[in-house]
Amino acid sequence: MKIEKLIRKNILGLQPYSSARDEYKELEKEMVFLDANESPHENGVNRYPDPQQTSVKKELSKFKKINESNILLGNGSDEVLDLLFRVFCEPKVDNVITLPPTYGMYKVLANINNVEEREVLLTKDFEPSVKKILETADKNSKILFLCSPNNPTGNSFSKESVEVLLKLFNGIVVLDEAYIDFSAQDSWLKRLNEFPNLVITQTFSKAYGMAGVRLGICYASEEIIKVLNKIKPPYNVNELTQKCALKRFLKIDDLRADIKKILKERVRLIEGLKDISFVEKVYPTDANFVLVKVDDAAKRYQQLIEKGIVIRNRTTQPLCENTLRLTVGTKRETKLLIKALSEI
């Protein structure tokens, strides 16, 4: 597959904006910086941030065992996804394929970018319907979005289905791995070099515990990363976010410990749900949340609100009638949730 043929022509010929910090990169040297019209008064954030987030990428490269040239960072994963739309999808011409029930921003971004969204429902087991996906695709189908582990269902897609789609879909396959750190399955990062059309997105918002700093990750071939860098805003990841990310990597053992605590609490939550009379089904999960089918989702949601507990009612989503999505909290929060469910 030639990725160049999938890229919009105007993007291929685009001359990217060159910022002051792109032209002079040796920021650690003792220099007098009079090139970027910044305030000279030091306060920790008076200078523009590194536009390539070099230090963060270096740590991420070591942690994930992947080359820095295969990494792009964004202002949350949503910015990364939006950049992919703008690189590959010609408005009013191209289309993308999504697999509901899934992450809602794919649809929103398609609408924002004036790109047709074609929906192919997951099977009753929440797996991709490979045949229907390939039948739905045409020559203008530029991106296929696979969320695995999937939100809101929590399950990981079978490796066989994903591999078939990577080989047979004639466009970019975006594998959204926001919840991969909670899964027993391996990330597809290990096979990134096998598939030139594979783009993997991850995030600092879930396992890393840094939703407030807004930092998303894109892993792809050097060719795709270079094009994404052409169109991203010059300073899309701010200085404070970069510093917070670096601090998190300094305490990598704490990160691993936090993930283990969430996985342990997930087991406790699932066990506790088995004794709740109106819970009809607890779906398998590889994420930091559990999807449950209940007798009346709207009623149970409101009852929990009245007890001071906020969850997510997913009953409006395809295949998710009368379901509630429960995020895994602390031991105390799990206890409060199970107690509340028992009392209503």
Protein backbone atom coordinates (compact mmCIF):
# COMPACT_ATOMS: atom_id res chain seq x y z
CA MET A 1 0.00 0.00 0.00
CA LYS A 2 1.29 3.46 -0.95
CA ILE A 3 0.34 5.82 1.86
CA GLU A 4 1.12 8.83 -0.31
CA LYS A 5 -1.89 8.02 -2.50
CA LEU A 6 -4.21 8.27 0.52
CA ILE A 7 -3.03 11.74 1.55
CA ARG A 8 -4.95 14.81 0.35
CA LYS A 9 -3.10 16.55 -2.48
CA ASN A 10 -3.11 19.96 -0.82
CA ILE A 11 -1.53 18.43 2.30
CA LEU A 12 1.24 16.79 0.26
CA GLY A 13 2.21 20.16 -1.19
CA LEU A 14 1.79 22.10 2.05
CA GLN A 15 4.66 24.18 3.41
CA PRO A 16 4.41 23.88 7.21
CA TYR A 17 4.74 26.88 9.49
CA SER A 18 8.25 27.21 10.90
CA SER A 19 8.29 28.57 14.43
CA ALA A 20 11.23 30.18 16.18
CA ARG A 21 11.72 27.04 18.23
CA ASP A 22 11.75 24.90 15.08
CA GLU A 23 14.60 26.97 13.64
CA TYR A 24 16.76 27.07 16.78
CA LYS A 25 16.41 23.94 18.90
CA GLU A 26 19.33 23.99 21.34
CA LEU A 27 17.27 25.46 24.15
CA GLU A 28 19.51 24.11 26.92
CA LYS A 29 22.45 26.30 25.87
CA GLU A 30 23.12 29.56 27.67
CA MET A 31 21.94 31.89 24.92
CA VAL A 32 20.17 35.23 24.74
CA PHE A 33 16.81 34.39 23.16
CA LEU A 34 15.45 37.34 21.20
CA ASP A 35 13.89 35.37 18.36
CA ALA A 36 10.31 34.56 19.40
CA ASN A 37 8.94 37.85 20.79
CA GLU A 38 8.51 36.26 24.23
CA SER A 39 8.61 38.07 27.53
CA PRO A 40 12.21 38.10 28.85
CA HIS A 41 11.05 37.94 32.48
CA GLU A 42 11.53 34.38 33.75
CA ASN A 43 8.54 32.81 35.51
CA GLY A 44 8.78 29.21 34.34
CA VAL A 45 6.39 29.56 31.43
CA ASN A 46 7.47 32.75 29.68
CA ARG A 47 9.16 30.80 26.88
CA TYR A 48 7.41 28.81 24.17
CA PRO A 49 7.41 25.03 24.76
CA ASP A 50 9.41 22.56 22.70
CA PRO A 51 7.20 22.11 19.59
CA GLN A 52 8.37 18.50 19.21
CA GLN A 53 8.17 17.56 22.91
CA THR A 54 11.59 15.92 22.57
CA SER A 55 12.12 15.04 26.24
CA VAL A 56 8.68 13.47 26.62
CA LYS A 57 9.08 11.44 23.43
CA LYS A 58 12.47 10.21 24.62
CA GLU A 59 10.95 8.82 27.84
CA LEU A 60 7.93 7.43 26.02
CA SER A 61 10.24 5.76 23.50
CA LYS A 62 12.08 3.96 26.30
CA PHE A 63 8.88 2.98 28.09
CA LYS A 64 7.08 1.65 25.01
CA LYS A 65 10.22 0.43 23.20
CA ILE A 66 9.48 2.28 19.98
CA ASN A 67 11.47 4.85 17.98
CA GLU A 68 10.87 8.53 18.67
CA SER A 69 10.39 9.05 14.92
CA ASN A 70 7.24 6.91 15.17
CA ILE A 71 5.63 9.15 17.81
CA LEU A 72 3.46 12.25 17.58
CA LEU A 73 1.98 13.95 20.65
CA GLY A 74 -1.20 15.97 20.67
CA ASN A 75 -3.46 18.10 22.84
CA GLY A 76 -5.38 15.01 23.88
CA SER A 77 -6.11 12.09 21.56
CA ASP A 78 -8.94 14.11 20.05
CA GLU A 79 -6.44 16.48 18.42
CA VAL A 80 -4.53 13.49 17.01
CA LEU A 81 -7.75 12.07 15.55
CA ASP A 82 -8.66 15.44 14.06
CA LEU A 83 -5.24 15.70 12.41
CA LEU A 84 -5.78 12.29 10.82
CA PHE A 85 -9.07 13.50 9.32
CA ARG A 86 -7.37 16.57 7.88
CA VAL A 87 -4.48 14.61 6.38
CA PHE A 88 -6.45 11.79 4.74
CA CYS A 89 -10.07 12.88 4.24
CA GLU A 90 -11.18 15.27 1.51
CA PRO A 91 -14.35 17.06 2.74
CA LYS A 92 -17.55 16.17 0.85
CA VAL A 93 -15.67 13.44 -1.05
CA ASP A 94 -14.17 10.84 1.27
CA ASN A 95 -15.73 8.74 4.00
CA VAL A 96 -14.70 6.98 7.21
CA ILE A 97 -16.06 3.80 8.77
CA THR A 98 -16.96 3.48 12.45
CA LEU A 99 -18.21 0.50 14.44
CA PRO A 100 -20.96 1.48 16.92
CA PRO A 101 -21.26 1.25 19.81
CA THR A 102 -17.92 3.05 20.05
CA TYR A 103 -16.19 6.27 21.07
CA GLY A 104 -18.45 9.16 20.07
CA MET A 105 -15.75 11.60 18.94
CA TYR A 106 -15.20 9.74 15.66
CA LYS A 107 -18.71 10.81 14.54
CA VAL A 108 -18.27 14.34 15.88
CA LEU A 109 -14.95 14.81 14.07
CA ALA A 110 -16.40 13.43 10.86
CA ASN A 111 -19.18 16.02 11.06
CA ILE A 112 -16.77 18.84 11.90
CA ASN A 113 -14.58 17.95 8.91
CA ASN A 114 -17.59 17.46 6.61
CA VAL A 115 -16.66 13.83 5.96
CA GLU A 116 -19.25 11.09 5.52
CA GLU A 117 -19.38 8.58 8.37
CA ARG A 118 -20.46 5.05 7.48
CA GLU A 119 -21.55 2.94 10.43
CA VAL A 120 -21.20 -0.83 10.60
CA LEU A 121 -22.61 -2.17 13.86
CA LEU A 122 -20.57 -4.57 15.92
CA THR A 123 -21.91 -8.10 16.24
CA LYS A 124 -23.96 -9.13 19.28
CA ASP A 125 -20.66 -10.25 20.83
CA PHE A 126 -19.27 -6.73 20.24
CA GLU A 127 -16.83 -7.91 17.57
CA PRO A 128 -16.16 -6.25 14.18
CA SER A 129 -18.27 -7.64 11.35
CA VAL A 130 -15.33 -7.99 8.96
CA LYS A 131 -17.34 -8.95 5.88
CA LYS A 132 -19.81 -6.06 6.29
CA ILE A 133 -16.98 -3.59 6.87
CA LEU A 134 -15.22 -4.58 3.66
CA GLU A 135 -18.52 -4.51 1.75
CA THR A 136 -19.29 -1.03 3.08
CA ALA A 137 -15.90 0.37 2.07
CA ASP A 138 -15.29 1.91 -1.36
CA LYS A 139 -12.46 3.77 -3.08
CA ASN A 140 -13.17 6.87 -0.99
CA SER A 141 -13.08 5.06 2.37
CA LYS A 142 -9.97 6.58 3.88
CA ILE A 143 -10.08 5.65 7.59
CA LEU A 144 -11.44 2.72 9.59
CA PHE A 145 -11.71 3.32 13.34
CA LEU A 146 -11.22 0.33 15.65
CA CYS A 147 -11.48 1.04 19.37
CA SER A 148 -9.90 -1.89 21.23
CA PRO A 149 -10.48 -2.28 24.14
CA ASN A 150 -13.74 -0.75 23.02
CA ASN A 151 -15.60 2.07 24.71
CA PRO A 152 -18.30 1.56 26.01
CA THR A 153 -18.30 -2.26 25.80
CA GLY A 154 -14.89 -2.87 27.40
CA ASN A 155 -13.87 -5.86 25.26
CA SER A 156 -10.81 -6.22 23.05
CA PHE A 157 -11.36 -7.20 19.43
CA SER A 158 -10.01 -10.55 18.27
CA LYS A 159 -6.52 -10.41 16.80
CA GLU A 160 -7.70 -12.36 13.78
CA SER A 161 -10.36 -9.79 12.87
CA VAL A 162 -7.99 -6.86 13.29
CA GLU A 163 -5.30 -8.52 11.19
CA VAL A 164 -7.71 -9.28 8.34
CA LEU A 165 -8.89 -5.66 8.31
CA LEU A 166 -5.33 -4.36 8.33
CA LYS A 167 -4.55 -6.49 5.29
CA LEU A 168 -7.75 -5.99 3.30
CA PHE A 169 -8.97 -2.47 4.10
CA ASN A 170 -7.49 -0.14 1.48
CA GLY A 171 -7.09 2.83 3.75
CA ILE A 172 -5.77 3.87 7.15
CA VAL A 173 -6.73 1.66 10.10
CA VAL A 174 -6.77 3.68 13.32
CA LEU A 175 -6.52 1.40 16.33
CA ASP A 176 -7.60 3.37 19.38
CA GLU A 177 -5.83 1.81 22.37
CA ALA A 178 -6.82 4.31 25.05
CA TYR A 179 -7.42 1.45 27.51
CA ILE A 180 -4.68 -0.96 26.41
CA ASP A 181 -2.75 -0.72 29.70
CA PHE A 182 -5.63 -2.47 31.47
CA SER A 183 -5.83 -5.31 28.93
CA ALA A 184 -4.32 -8.77 29.07
CA GLN A 185 -3.80 -8.53 25.30
CA ASP A 186 -0.60 -7.10 23.86
CA SER A 187 -0.63 -3.71 22.19
CA TRP A 188 -0.40 -3.70 18.40
CA LEU A 189 2.69 -1.51 18.83
CA LYS A 190 4.77 -4.66 18.60
CA ARG A 191 3.54 -5.13 15.02
CA LEU A 192 3.50 -1.51 13.88
CA ASN A 193 6.25 -2.07 11.31
CA GLU A 194 4.30 -4.89 9.64
CA PHE A 195 1.43 -2.68 8.48
CA PRO A 196 2.14 0.65 6.76
CA ASN A 197 -1.53 1.66 7.11
CA LEU A 198 -1.67 1.08 10.88
CA VAL A 199 -2.03 4.10 13.17
CA ILE A 200 -2.25 3.51 16.93
CA THR A 201 -3.57 6.12 19.34
CA GLN A 202 -3.06 6.01 23.09
CA THR A 203 -3.44 8.55 25.88
CA PHE A 204 -2.11 9.84 29.17
CA SER A 205 -5.70 10.25 30.43
CA LYS A 206 -6.47 6.71 31.59
CA ALA A 207 -3.75 4.45 33.04
CA TYR A 208 -1.29 7.33 33.39
CA GLY A 209 -3.84 9.21 35.51
CA MET A 210 -3.32 12.54 33.75
CA ALA A 211 -6.66 13.38 32.13
CA GLY A 212 -6.33 16.99 33.28
CA VAL A 213 -3.17 17.77 31.28
CA ARG A 214 -4.62 16.68 27.90
CA LEU A 215 -1.90 14.63 26.26
CA GLY A 216 -2.60 12.15 23.47
CA ILE A 217 -0.22 9.86 21.62
CA CYS A 218 -0.05 8.71 18.02
CA TYR A 219 2.21 5.88 16.85
CA ALA A 220 2.63 5.34 13.11
CA SER A 221 5.19 4.93 10.35
CA GLU A 222 7.75 7.71 9.92
CA GLU A 223 6.00 8.67 6.69
CA ILE A 224 2.67 9.29 8.41
CA ILE A 225 4.25 11.03 11.41
CA LYS A 226 6.10 13.44 9.10
CA VAL A 227 2.86 14.44 7.37
CA LEU A 228 1.03 14.89 10.69
CA ASN A 229 3.88 17.11 11.89
CA LYS A 230 3.39 19.29 8.82
CA ILE A 231 -0.13 20.28 9.83
CA LYS A 232 -0.13 20.21 13.63
CA PRO A 233 -0.16 23.59 15.43
CA PRO A 234 3.43 24.63 16.24
CA TYR A 235 3.01 24.61 20.04
CA ASN A 236 0.15 22.15 20.47
CA VAL A 237 1.44 20.65 23.76
CA ASN A 238 2.08 23.28 26.40
CA GLU A 239 5.05 23.54 28.75
CA LEU A 240 3.15 22.55 31.91
CA THR A 241 1.79 19.41 30.25
CA GLN A 242 5.26 18.38 29.12
CA LYS A 243 6.67 18.91 32.62
CA CYS A 244 3.85 16.89 34.20
CA ALA A 245 4.42 14.01 31.78
CA LEU A 246 8.14 13.96 32.56
CA LYS A 247 7.43 13.88 36.29
CA ARG A 248 5.16 10.88 35.77
CA PHE A 249 7.96 9.01 34.01
CA LEU A 250 10.28 9.73 36.94
CA LYS A 251 7.88 7.66 39.07
CA ILE A 252 7.24 4.85 36.62
CA ASP A 253 6.96 2.28 39.43
CA ASP A 254 4.10 4.31 40.91
CA LEU A 255 2.37 4.22 37.51
CA ARG A 256 2.64 0.44 37.34
CA ALA A 257 1.39 0.16 40.92
CA ASP A 258 -1.63 2.35 40.13
CA ILE A 259 -2.55 0.10 37.19
CA LYS A 260 -2.32 -3.00 39.41
CA LYS A 261 -4.61 -1.36 41.99
CA ILE A 262 -7.21 -0.59 39.32
CA LEU A 263 -7.07 -4.16 37.99
CA LYS A 264 -7.48 -5.54 41.50
CA GLU A 265 -10.41 -3.22 42.15
CA ARG A 266 -11.98 -4.21 38.84
CA VAL A 267 -12.15 -7.81 40.09
CA ARG A 268 -13.78 -6.66 43.36
CA LEU A 269 -16.33 -4.59 41.46
CA ILE A 270 -17.29 -7.48 39.15
CA GLU A 271 -17.64 -9.83 42.12
CA GLY A 272 -19.83 -7.34 43.94
CA LEU A 273 -22.11 -6.86 40.94
CA LYS A 274 -22.99 -10.57 40.92
CA ASP A 275 -25.11 -10.10 44.05
CA ILE A 276 -27.18 -7.19 42.70
CA SER A 277 -30.66 -8.50 41.83
CA PHE A 278 -31.41 -6.11 38.94
CA VAL A 279 -28.03 -6.59 37.22
CA GLU A 280 -28.84 -8.96 34.36
CA LYS A 281 -25.39 -9.22 32.78
CA VAL A 282 -21.83 -8.10 33.47
CA TYR A 283 -19.91 -7.89 30.20
CA PRO A 284 -16.27 -9.02 29.95
CA THR A 285 -13.87 -6.07 30.13
CA ASP A 286 -10.26 -5.25 29.34
CA ALA A 287 -10.66 -1.62 30.40
CA ASN A 288 -10.90 0.40 33.61
CA PHE A 289 -14.69 0.25 33.46
CA VAL A 290 -17.43 -2.36 33.42
CA LEU A 291 -20.55 -2.38 31.25
CA VAL A 292 -23.59 -3.93 32.93
CA LYS A 293 -27.09 -4.68 31.65
CA VAL A 294 -29.85 -3.84 34.12
CA ASP A 295 -33.64 -3.95 34.22
CA ASP A 296 -34.14 -0.20 33.77
CA ALA A 297 -31.00 1.89 33.09
CA ALA A 298 -32.67 5.31 33.32
CA LYS A 299 -34.27 4.46 36.66
CA ARG A 300 -31.10 2.97 38.19
CA TYR A 301 -28.98 5.86 36.91
CA GLN A 302 -31.25 8.39 38.62
CA GLN A 303 -31.34 6.39 41.85
CA LEU A 304 -27.54 6.39 41.99
CA ILE A 305 -27.45 10.14 41.33
CA GLU A 306 -29.72 10.62 44.33
CA LYS A 307 -27.21 8.64 46.40
CA GLY A 308 -24.34 10.87 45.23
CA ILE A 309 -22.81 8.48 42.69
CA VAL A 310 -22.35 9.49 39.05
CA ILE A 311 -22.04 6.76 36.41
CA ARG A 312 -22.80 6.71 32.67
CA ASN A 313 -26.09 5.59 31.15
CA ARG A 314 -25.24 4.02 27.76
CA THR A 315 -28.74 2.83 26.88
CA THR A 316 -28.95 5.23 23.91
CA GLN A 317 -26.05 3.49 22.15
CA PRO A 318 -26.66 0.71 19.59
CA LEU A 319 -26.70 -2.78 21.12
CA CYS A 320 -26.52 -1.20 24.60
CA GLU A 321 -30.16 -1.02 25.67
CA ASN A 322 -30.51 -0.74 29.45
CA THR A 323 -26.77 -0.68 30.10
CA LEU A 324 -24.75 1.33 32.60
CA ARG A 325 -21.02 1.97 32.37
CA LEU A 326 -19.22 1.90 35.72
CA THR A 327 -15.69 3.26 36.02
CA VAL A 328 -13.40 1.37 38.39
CA GLY A 329 -12.68 3.64 41.35
CA THR A 330 -10.82 3.30 44.63
CA LYS A 331 -11.54 0.55 47.15
CA ARG A 332 -13.70 3.03 49.11
CA GLU A 333 -15.60 4.08 45.97
CA THR A 334 -16.25 0.46 44.97
CA LYS A 335 -17.62 -0.21 48.44
CA LEU A 336 -19.91 2.83 48.24
CA LEU A 337 -21.15 1.85 44.76
CA ILE A 338 -21.95 -1.76 45.70
CA LYS A 339 -23.66 -0.56 48.89
CA ALA A 340 -25.78 1.90 46.94
CA LEU A 341 -26.70 -0.70 44.32
CA SER A 342 -27.70 -3.11 47.09
CA GLU A 343 -29.93 -0.52 48.74
CA ILE A 344 -31.90 0.69 45.71
